[in-house]
Amino acid sequence: MKIYKKSSRASCRLWACSIFPLLGLSLFANAQQASQGNTTVFGGAEITVFGAHNFVTGGGGTQPGIVKTIRTSPFGVLKFGPAATQTAADDANHVDGYVSKIGNTAFTFPTGNGTDLRQLSISAPSTATSQVTVAWFSGNPSTVTDPSDAETHSVATLDGTLVAVSQAGFWDWIPVTGSFTGLTITASIPDLTTFATAANLRLAGWDGTQWINLSTAANATGNIEGSTITGTTPATGTISALAIGSIATPLPVTLVNFTAQKKTAGSETASSLLYWTTSAETNSDRFDIERSTTGKNWNNIGNVAANGESDRQVNYSFTDDKPLSGENLYRLRMVDKDGTFAFSRIQSITFDGTNSGLSVYPNPSADKLFIRDYSSVTNIVVSNLNGTTVYKSASFASGNGFIDLTSLSQGMYIVKISRVNGTFSTHKIVVGK
């Protein structure tokens, strides 16, 4: 790990950081030319970028591009000079901590938490000496302390237009010098599918006493992770933090994560293990687990009772003991006690069908698709990607049993095979000519 030590000279030109250790100087330790991977900026110290910085290739591209700055006061900072730019920031390449920008040019802050990128973009400030510092903090603003003012910002304290503020996290916003009134801010949001619809999302700013609405109208591009939302800093007063708010009653559950894993080792039959965590629940009733092979038609395969009321993390799980051959799509239907509901993001697990002894071959195929162990098959339906049935049959030619593909156009299809035991499997095939 490369460490930038706090010293009387707290600013480091990136080229100098690589030269000084070679000269035997101890001001900074083992630094690369760029802030590439496993780099820590200690409290009270800073690295300054003066040119173009690429988070993937800026340091030779040999290590993951995470720059970590100390978040407790006095925090470390990765500073970008007036002409500096940054590119290639993503979940694996960004700043886990504070980023500062000097100058009067538009800029995107490559902030995140070490695993997720949460960028914040600003329009050009009015003066060349303007400087603002930004960091993303995951968690409830009511309980996560903002280091710059050593306070929490209650999500229950709102202006007259906001009904709720997301507990997913917030950006610490620190104007250092210059004026930032009337500035356009665009935020890249976390997954808010269980918080509010895109139409109800608003950018919110903490004005010292309450969260205020910075968006004049609906402008969010969506409510899934990576969607963006825009707002404008107030003409009077200042803000010290940014978050995502809603103008409507929030959905019953704040979902932190939802994952699906395949379990095969130590069991005769493969199964799908589903895990999810909530950080807040209000009047929630249950989680319906839904499965699909196409993404269009969904079947309820079980449910799990919800905690109901909670302001802490609660973990849930569900096991699908009878997954289908082929791709299994899973989603959660999160139901409130009054019947309102919201869906989670979709997770996917694929089983190749070898557990049942049934498979199709060759794939791709130009004329015939053979069914292995076809004696157990009762029905076959072939659909295109629009869901239209293009082939249906309950009988097979003598010998191996096959589907005649000669009448089908070139492309991808979904084959659904039903068996005598009442189960069915799906297979994606490619028809080539």
Protein backbone atom coordinates (compact mmCIF):
# COMPACT_ATOMS: atom_id res chain seq x y z
CA MET A 1 0.00 0.00 0.00
CA LYS A 2 1.29 3.45 -0.91
CA ILE A 3 0.94 5.97 1.90
CA TYR A 4 1.04 9.76 1.71
CA LYS A 5 2.19 10.95 5.10
CA LYS A 6 0.95 14.11 6.70
CA SER A 7 3.69 16.72 6.78
CA SER A 8 4.28 20.43 6.92
CA ARG A 9 3.96 20.43 3.15
CA ALA A 10 0.58 18.83 2.64
CA SER A 11 0.37 19.12 -1.15
CA CYS A 12 2.03 16.68 -3.55
CA ARG A 13 2.42 17.10 -7.30
CA LEU A 14 1.92 13.64 -8.78
CA TRP A 15 5.19 13.65 -10.70
CA ALA A 16 7.01 14.77 -7.57
CA CYS A 17 5.48 11.98 -5.52
CA SER A 18 7.17 9.46 -7.79
CA ILE A 19 10.54 11.24 -7.89
CA PHE A 20 11.10 12.01 -4.19
CA PRO A 21 11.29 8.38 -2.97
CA LEU A 22 13.84 7.60 -5.67
CA LEU A 23 16.00 10.39 -4.29
CA GLY A 24 15.82 8.93 -0.81
CA LEU A 25 13.61 11.68 0.57
CA SER A 26 11.09 10.64 3.24
CA LEU A 27 8.45 13.28 2.65
CA PHE A 28 6.18 10.73 0.93
CA ALA A 29 6.48 6.96 0.71
CA ASN A 30 6.45 4.72 -2.37
CA ALA A 31 4.15 6.81 -4.54
CA GLN A 32 3.41 6.23 -8.20
CA GLN A 33 3.21 8.94 -10.83
CA ALA A 34 -0.56 8.96 -10.55
CA SER A 35 -2.84 8.11 -7.67
CA GLN A 36 -3.31 4.58 -8.93
CA GLY A 37 -4.52 1.90 -6.57
CA ASN A 38 -4.21 1.21 -2.83
CA THR A 39 -3.26 4.83 -2.18
CA THR A 40 -4.11 6.40 1.17
CA VAL A 41 -4.04 10.15 1.83
CA PHE A 42 -3.64 10.68 5.57
CA GLY A 43 -5.58 13.22 7.60
CA GLY A 44 -4.58 16.81 6.91
CA ALA A 45 -2.66 15.84 3.76
CA GLU A 46 -3.56 16.20 0.10
CA ILE A 47 -2.45 15.12 -3.37
CA THR A 48 -2.90 17.67 -6.14
CA VAL A 49 -3.56 16.67 -9.75
CA PHE A 50 -2.55 19.33 -12.28
CA GLY A 51 -3.23 17.57 -15.59
CA ALA A 52 -5.35 14.75 -16.99
CA HIS A 53 -5.80 11.81 -14.64
CA ASN A 54 -7.17 8.44 -15.80
CA PHE A 55 -8.23 6.22 -12.91
CA VAL A 56 -7.47 3.03 -14.84
CA THR A 57 -4.22 3.89 -16.64
CA GLY A 58 -2.98 6.93 -14.75
CA GLY A 59 -0.46 4.93 -12.75
CA GLY A 60 0.40 2.29 -15.31
CA GLY A 61 -2.83 0.38 -14.86
CA THR A 62 -1.21 -2.35 -12.76
CA GLN A 63 -3.36 -1.96 -9.64
CA PRO A 64 -7.02 -1.23 -8.87
CA GLY A 65 -7.68 2.49 -9.08
CA ILE A 66 -9.02 3.24 -5.61
CA VAL A 67 -7.64 6.30 -3.84
CA LYS A 68 -8.63 6.31 -0.16
CA THR A 69 -8.57 9.50 1.87
CA ILE A 70 -9.01 9.66 5.63
CA ARG A 71 -12.60 10.76 6.29
CA THR A 72 -12.32 11.91 9.91
CA SER A 73 -11.34 15.51 10.58
CA PRO A 74 -8.77 16.60 9.60
CA PHE A 75 -9.48 14.53 6.48
CA GLY A 76 -7.24 13.79 3.53
CA VAL A 77 -8.04 15.23 0.09
CA LEU A 78 -7.37 14.41 -3.56
CA LYS A 79 -7.31 17.90 -5.12
CA PHE A 80 -7.73 18.76 -8.81
CA GLY A 81 -6.15 21.99 -10.00
CA PRO A 82 -7.74 24.60 -12.31
CA ALA A 83 -6.85 22.73 -15.53
CA ALA A 84 -7.05 19.19 -14.14
CA THR A 85 -9.48 16.58 -15.47
CA GLN A 86 -10.39 13.01 -14.58
CA THR A 87 -11.67 10.07 -16.63
CA ALA A 88 -12.45 6.34 -16.31
CA ALA A 89 -13.91 6.49 -12.81
CA ASP A 90 -16.17 3.52 -12.02
CA ASP A 91 -17.03 1.20 -9.12
CA ALA A 92 -13.48 -0.19 -9.08
CA ASN A 93 -11.68 3.08 -9.82
CA HIS A 94 -12.56 6.21 -7.83
CA VAL A 95 -11.88 8.15 -4.64
CA ASP A 96 -13.07 6.59 -1.41
CA GLY A 97 -13.15 9.88 0.48
CA TYR A 98 -12.75 13.59 -0.24
CA VAL A 99 -12.20 15.23 -3.65
CA SER A 100 -11.58 18.97 -4.08
CA LYS A 101 -11.70 21.10 -7.25
CA ILE A 102 -10.22 24.56 -7.83
CA GLY A 103 -11.26 26.88 -10.68
CA ASN A 104 -14.17 28.04 -12.79
CA THR A 105 -14.70 25.01 -15.03
CA ALA A 106 -17.37 22.32 -14.87
CA PHE A 107 -16.19 19.18 -13.11
CA THR A 108 -17.33 15.70 -12.10
CA PHE A 109 -16.21 14.54 -8.65
CA PRO A 110 -15.19 10.82 -8.79
CA THR A 111 -16.42 10.07 -5.27
CA GLY A 112 -17.62 6.78 -3.81
CA ASN A 113 -17.25 4.40 -0.87
CA GLY A 114 -14.61 2.00 -2.18
CA THR A 115 -17.07 -0.38 -3.84
CA ASP A 116 -19.64 1.93 -5.45
CA LEU A 117 -19.09 5.09 -7.50
CA ARG A 118 -21.34 8.00 -6.49
CA GLN A 119 -20.32 10.86 -8.77
CA LEU A 120 -21.39 14.47 -8.38
CA SER A 121 -21.07 16.96 -11.25
CA ILE A 122 -21.15 20.76 -11.08
CA SER A 123 -21.49 23.52 -13.65
CA ALA A 124 -18.71 26.11 -13.92
CA PRO A 125 -18.36 28.29 -10.78
CA SER A 126 -18.22 32.06 -11.27
CA THR A 127 -14.62 32.74 -10.19
CA ALA A 128 -11.24 31.22 -11.06
CA THR A 129 -10.34 30.89 -7.38
CA SER A 130 -13.47 28.96 -6.44
CA GLN A 131 -12.86 25.72 -4.55
CA VAL A 132 -15.33 23.11 -3.30
CA THR A 133 -14.70 19.74 -1.62
CA VAL A 134 -17.02 16.72 -1.86
CA ALA A 135 -17.25 13.20 -0.38
CA TRP A 136 -19.92 10.47 -0.48
CA PHE A 137 -21.06 8.81 2.76
CA SER A 138 -23.19 5.66 2.74
CA GLY A 139 -25.91 5.32 5.35
CA ASN A 140 -28.69 7.26 7.03
CA PRO A 141 -27.91 11.01 7.27
CA SER A 142 -29.75 10.97 10.61
CA THR A 143 -27.16 8.63 12.15
CA VAL A 144 -23.99 9.02 10.04
CA THR A 145 -21.96 11.99 11.27
CA ASP A 146 -20.90 14.57 8.70
CA PRO A 147 -17.18 15.13 9.51
CA SER A 148 -17.07 18.69 8.19
CA ASP A 149 -19.53 19.99 10.79
CA ALA A 150 -19.48 17.03 13.24
CA GLU A 151 -23.27 16.79 13.04
CA THR A 152 -25.96 14.47 11.71
CA HIS A 153 -28.69 15.74 9.39
CA SER A 154 -32.10 14.37 10.35
CA VAL A 155 -34.14 12.99 7.45
CA ALA A 156 -37.24 13.98 9.42
CA THR A 157 -36.45 17.71 9.19
CA LEU A 158 -37.78 18.83 5.81
CA ASP A 159 -39.02 21.91 4.01
CA GLY A 160 -42.63 22.13 2.88
CA THR A 161 -42.12 20.45 -0.50
CA LEU A 162 -40.19 17.33 0.52
CA VAL A 163 -41.88 14.37 2.17
CA ALA A 164 -38.82 12.16 2.69
CA VAL A 165 -35.04 11.96 2.25
CA SER A 166 -33.35 8.69 1.31
CA GLN A 167 -31.37 6.85 3.98
CA ALA A 168 -29.01 5.40 1.36
CA GLY A 169 -26.40 8.12 1.92
CA PHE A 170 -25.36 11.73 1.30
CA TRP A 171 -22.61 13.89 -0.17
CA ASP A 172 -20.65 16.13 2.21
CA TRP A 173 -20.48 19.51 0.42
CA ILE A 174 -17.80 21.97 1.59
CA PRO A 175 -17.51 25.37 -0.17
CA VAL A 176 -13.92 26.47 0.54
CA THR A 177 -13.61 29.73 -1.41
CA GLY A 178 -15.77 31.56 -3.93
CA SER A 179 -19.50 31.76 -4.58
CA PHE A 180 -21.59 28.68 -5.36
CA THR A 181 -25.05 30.20 -5.62
CA GLY A 182 -27.08 29.22 -8.67
CA LEU A 183 -24.76 26.31 -9.42
CA THR A 184 -26.20 23.34 -11.32
CA ILE A 185 -25.48 20.03 -9.58
CA THR A 186 -26.08 16.60 -11.11
CA ALA A 187 -25.88 13.53 -8.88
CA SER A 188 -25.46 9.87 -9.84
CA ILE A 189 -27.82 8.08 -7.49
CA PRO A 190 -27.77 4.72 -5.69
CA ASP A 191 -30.55 2.18 -6.23
CA LEU A 192 -33.74 3.93 -5.06
CA THR A 193 -36.31 1.56 -6.56
CA THR A 194 -37.75 0.91 -3.11
CA PHE A 195 -37.66 4.57 -2.04
CA ALA A 196 -39.60 6.49 -4.68
CA THR A 197 -40.55 6.57 -8.33
CA ALA A 198 -38.31 8.57 -10.66
CA ALA A 199 -41.05 11.19 -11.10
CA ASN A 200 -41.07 11.90 -7.36
CA LEU A 201 -37.31 12.11 -6.82
CA ARG A 202 -35.71 15.49 -6.04
CA LEU A 203 -32.17 16.63 -5.23
CA ALA A 204 -32.10 17.83 -1.62
CA GLY A 205 -29.66 20.12 0.18
CA TRP A 206 -29.02 20.58 3.92
CA ASP A 207 -29.16 24.32 4.69
CA GLY A 208 -28.01 24.00 8.29
CA THR A 209 -31.44 23.40 9.80
CA GLN A 210 -33.42 21.30 7.31
CA TRP A 211 -33.38 19.50 3.96
CA ILE A 212 -34.57 21.78 1.15
CA ASN A 213 -35.70 20.95 -2.38
CA LEU A 214 -33.09 21.92 -5.01
CA SER A 215 -34.99 20.53 -8.03
CA THR A 216 -37.61 22.80 -9.56
CA ALA A 217 -39.34 19.87 -11.28
CA ALA A 218 -39.03 16.15 -11.95
CA ASN A 219 -35.84 15.45 -13.91
CA ALA A 220 -34.45 12.12 -12.66
CA THR A 221 -33.51 9.79 -15.50
CA GLY A 222 -34.68 6.83 -13.41
CA ASN A 223 -34.59 5.41 -9.89
CA ILE A 224 -32.08 2.60 -10.43
CA GLU A 225 -28.39 2.83 -9.57
CA GLY A 226 -26.50 5.12 -11.94
CA SER A 227 -29.53 7.24 -12.84
CA THR A 228 -28.98 10.98 -12.51
CA ILE A 229 -30.88 13.86 -10.94
CA THR A 230 -30.22 17.60 -11.16
CA GLY A 231 -30.76 20.56 -8.87
CA THR A 232 -29.64 24.16 -8.36
CA THR A 233 -27.97 25.64 -5.29
CA PRO A 234 -30.05 28.38 -3.62
CA ALA A 235 -29.53 32.04 -4.48
CA THR A 236 -29.24 32.89 -0.79
CA GLY A 237 -27.71 30.93 2.04
CA THR A 238 -25.45 27.90 1.77
CA ILE A 239 -25.78 24.15 1.83
CA SER A 240 -23.43 21.71 3.57
CA ALA A 241 -24.71 18.34 2.35
CA LEU A 242 -26.63 16.82 -0.57
CA ALA A 243 -28.99 13.85 -0.66
CA ILE A 244 -31.90 12.45 -2.64
CA GLY A 245 -35.39 13.39 -1.51
CA SER A 246 -38.94 12.59 -2.55
CA ILE A 247 -42.10 14.67 -2.82
CA ALA A 248 -44.31 11.61 -2.15
CA THR A 249 -44.64 9.11 0.69
CA PRO A 250 -41.70 6.70 0.45
CA LEU A 251 -42.16 3.06 -0.46
CA PRO A 252 -42.44 0.67 2.52
CA VAL A 253 -38.94 -0.85 2.38
CA THR A 254 -35.42 0.49 1.88
CA LEU A 255 -33.57 -2.39 0.24
CA VAL A 256 -29.81 -2.34 0.79
CA ASN A 257 -28.96 -5.34 -1.37
CA PHE A 258 -30.45 -8.39 -3.09
CA THR A 259 -28.26 -11.25 -4.31
CA ALA A 260 -28.75 -14.72 -5.79
CA GLN A 261 -26.26 -17.57 -5.48
CA LYS A 262 -26.13 -21.08 -6.92
CA LYS A 263 -25.79 -23.98 -4.50
CA THR A 264 -24.65 -27.31 -5.92
CA ALA A 265 -21.85 -28.61 -3.70
CA GLY A 266 -22.91 -31.22 -1.16
CA SER A 267 -26.45 -31.56 -2.55
CA GLU A 268 -27.98 -33.94 -5.05
CA THR A 269 -30.21 -31.26 -6.48
CA ALA A 270 -29.08 -27.75 -7.38
CA SER A 271 -30.81 -24.85 -5.66
CA SER A 272 -30.89 -21.06 -5.74
CA LEU A 273 -30.10 -19.16 -2.55
CA LEU A 274 -31.56 -15.65 -2.35
CA TYR A 275 -30.37 -13.10 0.22
CA TRP A 276 -31.50 -9.54 0.86
CA THR A 277 -31.07 -6.84 3.50
CA THR A 278 -33.27 -3.89 4.42
CA SER A 279 -32.13 -0.81 6.31
CA ALA A 280 -35.60 0.61 7.00
CA GLU A 281 -39.16 -0.73 6.93
CA THR A 282 -42.43 1.09 7.44
CA ASN A 283 -45.69 -0.85 7.65
CA SER A 284 -44.19 -3.62 5.49
CA ASP A 285 -46.06 -6.94 5.30
CA ARG A 286 -44.12 -9.51 3.27
CA PHE A 287 -41.72 -10.26 0.45
CA ASP A 288 -43.12 -12.28 -2.44
CA ILE A 289 -40.40 -14.15 -4.33
CA GLU A 290 -41.07 -14.25 -8.06
CA ARG A 291 -39.31 -16.27 -10.76
CA SER A 292 -39.30 -16.03 -14.55
CA THR A 293 -37.48 -17.53 -17.49
CA THR A 294 -38.29 -14.73 -19.94
CA GLY A 295 -38.48 -11.59 -17.81
CA LYS A 296 -42.06 -11.03 -18.96
CA ASN A 297 -44.14 -13.71 -17.24
CA TRP A 298 -43.49 -14.10 -13.50
CA ASN A 299 -44.59 -16.82 -11.05
CA ASN A 300 -44.79 -16.50 -7.28
CA ILE A 301 -42.69 -19.31 -5.77
CA GLY A 302 -42.92 -18.33 -2.11
CA ASN A 303 -42.97 -15.51 0.41
CA VAL A 304 -41.17 -14.35 3.54
CA ALA A 305 -42.80 -12.33 6.32
CA ALA A 306 -41.39 -8.82 6.73
CA ASN A 307 -40.21 -7.28 9.98
CA GLY A 308 -42.89 -4.61 9.66
CA GLU A 309 -41.29 -1.66 11.39
CA SER A 310 -37.53 -1.18 11.54
CA ASP A 311 -34.83 1.48 11.38
CA ARG A 312 -31.91 -0.98 11.44
CA GLN A 313 -30.52 -3.57 9.07
CA VAL A 314 -32.57 -6.78 8.81
CA ASN A 315 -31.35 -9.81 6.85
CA TYR A 316 -33.63 -12.19 4.94
CA SER A 317 -33.14 -15.33 2.85
CA PHE A 318 -35.09 -17.77 0.68
CA THR A 319 -34.14 -21.04 -1.04
CA ASP A 320 -35.56 -22.14 -4.38
CA ASP A 321 -35.13 -25.93 -4.17
CA LYS A 322 -36.46 -26.53 -7.67
CA PRO A 323 -34.78 -24.09 -10.05
CA LEU A 324 -35.41 -24.58 -13.75
CA SER A 325 -32.87 -25.66 -16.30
CA GLY A 326 -31.56 -22.64 -18.16
CA GLU A 327 -31.72 -19.06 -16.90
CA ASN A 328 -33.71 -18.36 -13.73
CA LEU A 329 -34.66 -14.72 -13.12
CA TYR A 330 -35.62 -13.67 -9.59
CA ARG A 331 -37.13 -10.53 -8.13
CA LEU A 332 -38.72 -9.46 -4.85
CA ARG A 333 -42.22 -8.04 -4.68
CA MET A 334 -42.14 -5.96 -1.49
CA VAL A 335 -45.69 -5.60 -0.21
CA ASP A 336 -46.98 -3.05 2.30
CA LYS A 337 -49.82 -3.84 4.72
CA ASP A 338 -52.15 -1.62 2.70
CA GLY A 339 -51.40 -3.60 -0.47
CA THR A 340 -49.02 -1.16 -2.13
CA PHE A 341 -45.85 -2.77 -3.43
CA ALA A 342 -42.56 -2.23 -5.20
CA PHE A 343 -40.21 -4.53 -7.08
CA SER A 344 -36.52 -5.11 -6.49
CA ARG A 345 -33.92 -5.32 -9.21
CA ILE A 346 -33.72 -8.65 -11.05
CA GLN A 347 -31.06 -11.25 -10.23
CA SER A 348 -30.14 -14.16 -12.52
CA ILE A 349 -28.82 -17.70 -12.06
CA THR A 350 -28.32 -20.20 -14.88
CA PHE A 351 -28.49 -23.98 -14.54
CA ASP A 352 -27.28 -25.95 -17.54
CA GLY A 353 -29.81 -28.75 -17.29
CA THR A 354 -27.24 -31.48 -16.69
CA ASN A 355 -28.78 -32.29 -13.31
CA SER A 356 -31.90 -33.58 -15.03
CA GLY A 357 -30.06 -35.40 -17.80
CA LEU A 358 -31.97 -33.32 -20.36
CA SER A 359 -30.18 -31.10 -22.87
CA VAL A 360 -30.51 -29.79 -26.41
CA TYR A 361 -27.87 -29.97 -29.16
CA PRO A 362 -26.27 -28.74 -31.33
CA ASN A 363 -26.39 -25.07 -30.38
CA PRO A 364 -26.17 -23.04 -32.62
CA SER A 365 -28.12 -25.17 -35.10
CA ALA A 366 -29.20 -24.66 -38.72
CA ASP A 367 -31.88 -27.32 -39.26
CA LYS A 368 -32.42 -29.82 -36.42
CA LEU A 369 -32.28 -29.39 -32.65
CA PHE A 370 -32.03 -32.75 -30.88
CA ILE A 371 -33.46 -33.46 -27.43
CA ARG A 372 -31.41 -35.74 -25.20
CA ASP A 373 -33.55 -38.04 -23.01
CA TYR A 374 -36.57 -37.01 -25.06
CA SER A 375 -38.67 -39.91 -23.70
CA SER A 376 -39.47 -37.78 -20.63
CA VAL A 377 -40.68 -34.84 -22.73
CA THR A 378 -44.41 -34.12 -23.05
CA ASN A 379 -44.39 -30.78 -24.86
CA ILE A 380 -42.02 -28.29 -26.49
CA VAL A 381 -42.67 -24.60 -27.19
CA VAL A 382 -40.24 -22.36 -29.06
CA SER A 383 -40.66 -18.57 -28.76
CA ASN A 384 -38.80 -15.61 -30.22
CA LEU A 385 -37.42 -12.87 -27.98
CA ASN A 386 -40.70 -10.95 -28.29
CA GLY A 387 -42.52 -13.85 -26.62
CA THR A 388 -44.33 -14.99 -29.78
CA THR A 389 -44.67 -18.77 -30.13
CA VAL A 390 -43.07 -19.93 -33.39
CA TYR A 391 -43.11 -23.70 -32.79
CA LYS A 392 -45.16 -26.06 -30.63
CA SER A 393 -45.13 -29.85 -30.68
CA ALA A 394 -45.88 -32.90 -28.52
CA SER A 395 -44.47 -35.52 -30.92
CA PHE A 396 -40.98 -36.29 -32.22
CA ALA A 397 -39.40 -38.04 -35.15
CA SER A 398 -38.18 -41.58 -34.54
CA GLY A 399 -34.61 -42.03 -33.34
CA ASN A 400 -33.15 -39.27 -31.16
CA GLY A 401 -36.13 -36.91 -31.24
CA PHE A 402 -35.62 -33.44 -32.68
CA ILE A 403 -37.20 -30.11 -33.52
CA ASP A 404 -37.27 -29.06 -37.17
CA LEU A 405 -35.78 -25.55 -37.33
CA THR A 406 -35.75 -25.09 -41.10
CA SER A 407 -38.80 -22.80 -41.07
CA LEU A 408 -37.31 -20.43 -38.47
CA SER A 409 -35.44 -17.26 -39.34
CA GLN A 410 -31.89 -16.74 -38.18
CA GLY A 411 -31.68 -15.45 -34.60
CA MET A 412 -32.05 -16.31 -30.92
CA TYR A 413 -35.00 -18.27 -29.49
CA ILE A 414 -36.25 -19.61 -26.15
CA VAL A 415 -37.08 -23.34 -25.99
CA LYS A 416 -39.42 -24.43 -23.17
CA ILE A 417 -39.49 -28.20 -22.60
CA SER A 418 -42.18 -29.75 -20.36
CA ARG A 419 -41.64 -33.17 -18.80
CA VAL A 420 -43.81 -36.00 -17.51
CA ASN A 421 -42.98 -35.17 -13.88
CA GLY A 422 -44.63 -31.76 -14.24
CA THR A 423 -41.39 -29.76 -14.35
CA PHE A 424 -40.05 -27.81 -17.29
CA SER A 425 -36.76 -26.31 -18.40
CA THR A 426 -35.84 -23.43 -20.69
CA HIS A 427 -32.90 -23.15 -23.07
CA LYS A 428 -31.62 -20.28 -25.18
CA ILE A 429 -30.70 -21.42 -28.68
CA VAL A 430 -29.30 -19.73 -31.76
CA VAL A 431 -30.58 -20.60 -35.22
CA GLY A 432 -27.97 -20.01 -37.89
CA LYS A 433 -28.34 -20.38 -41.65
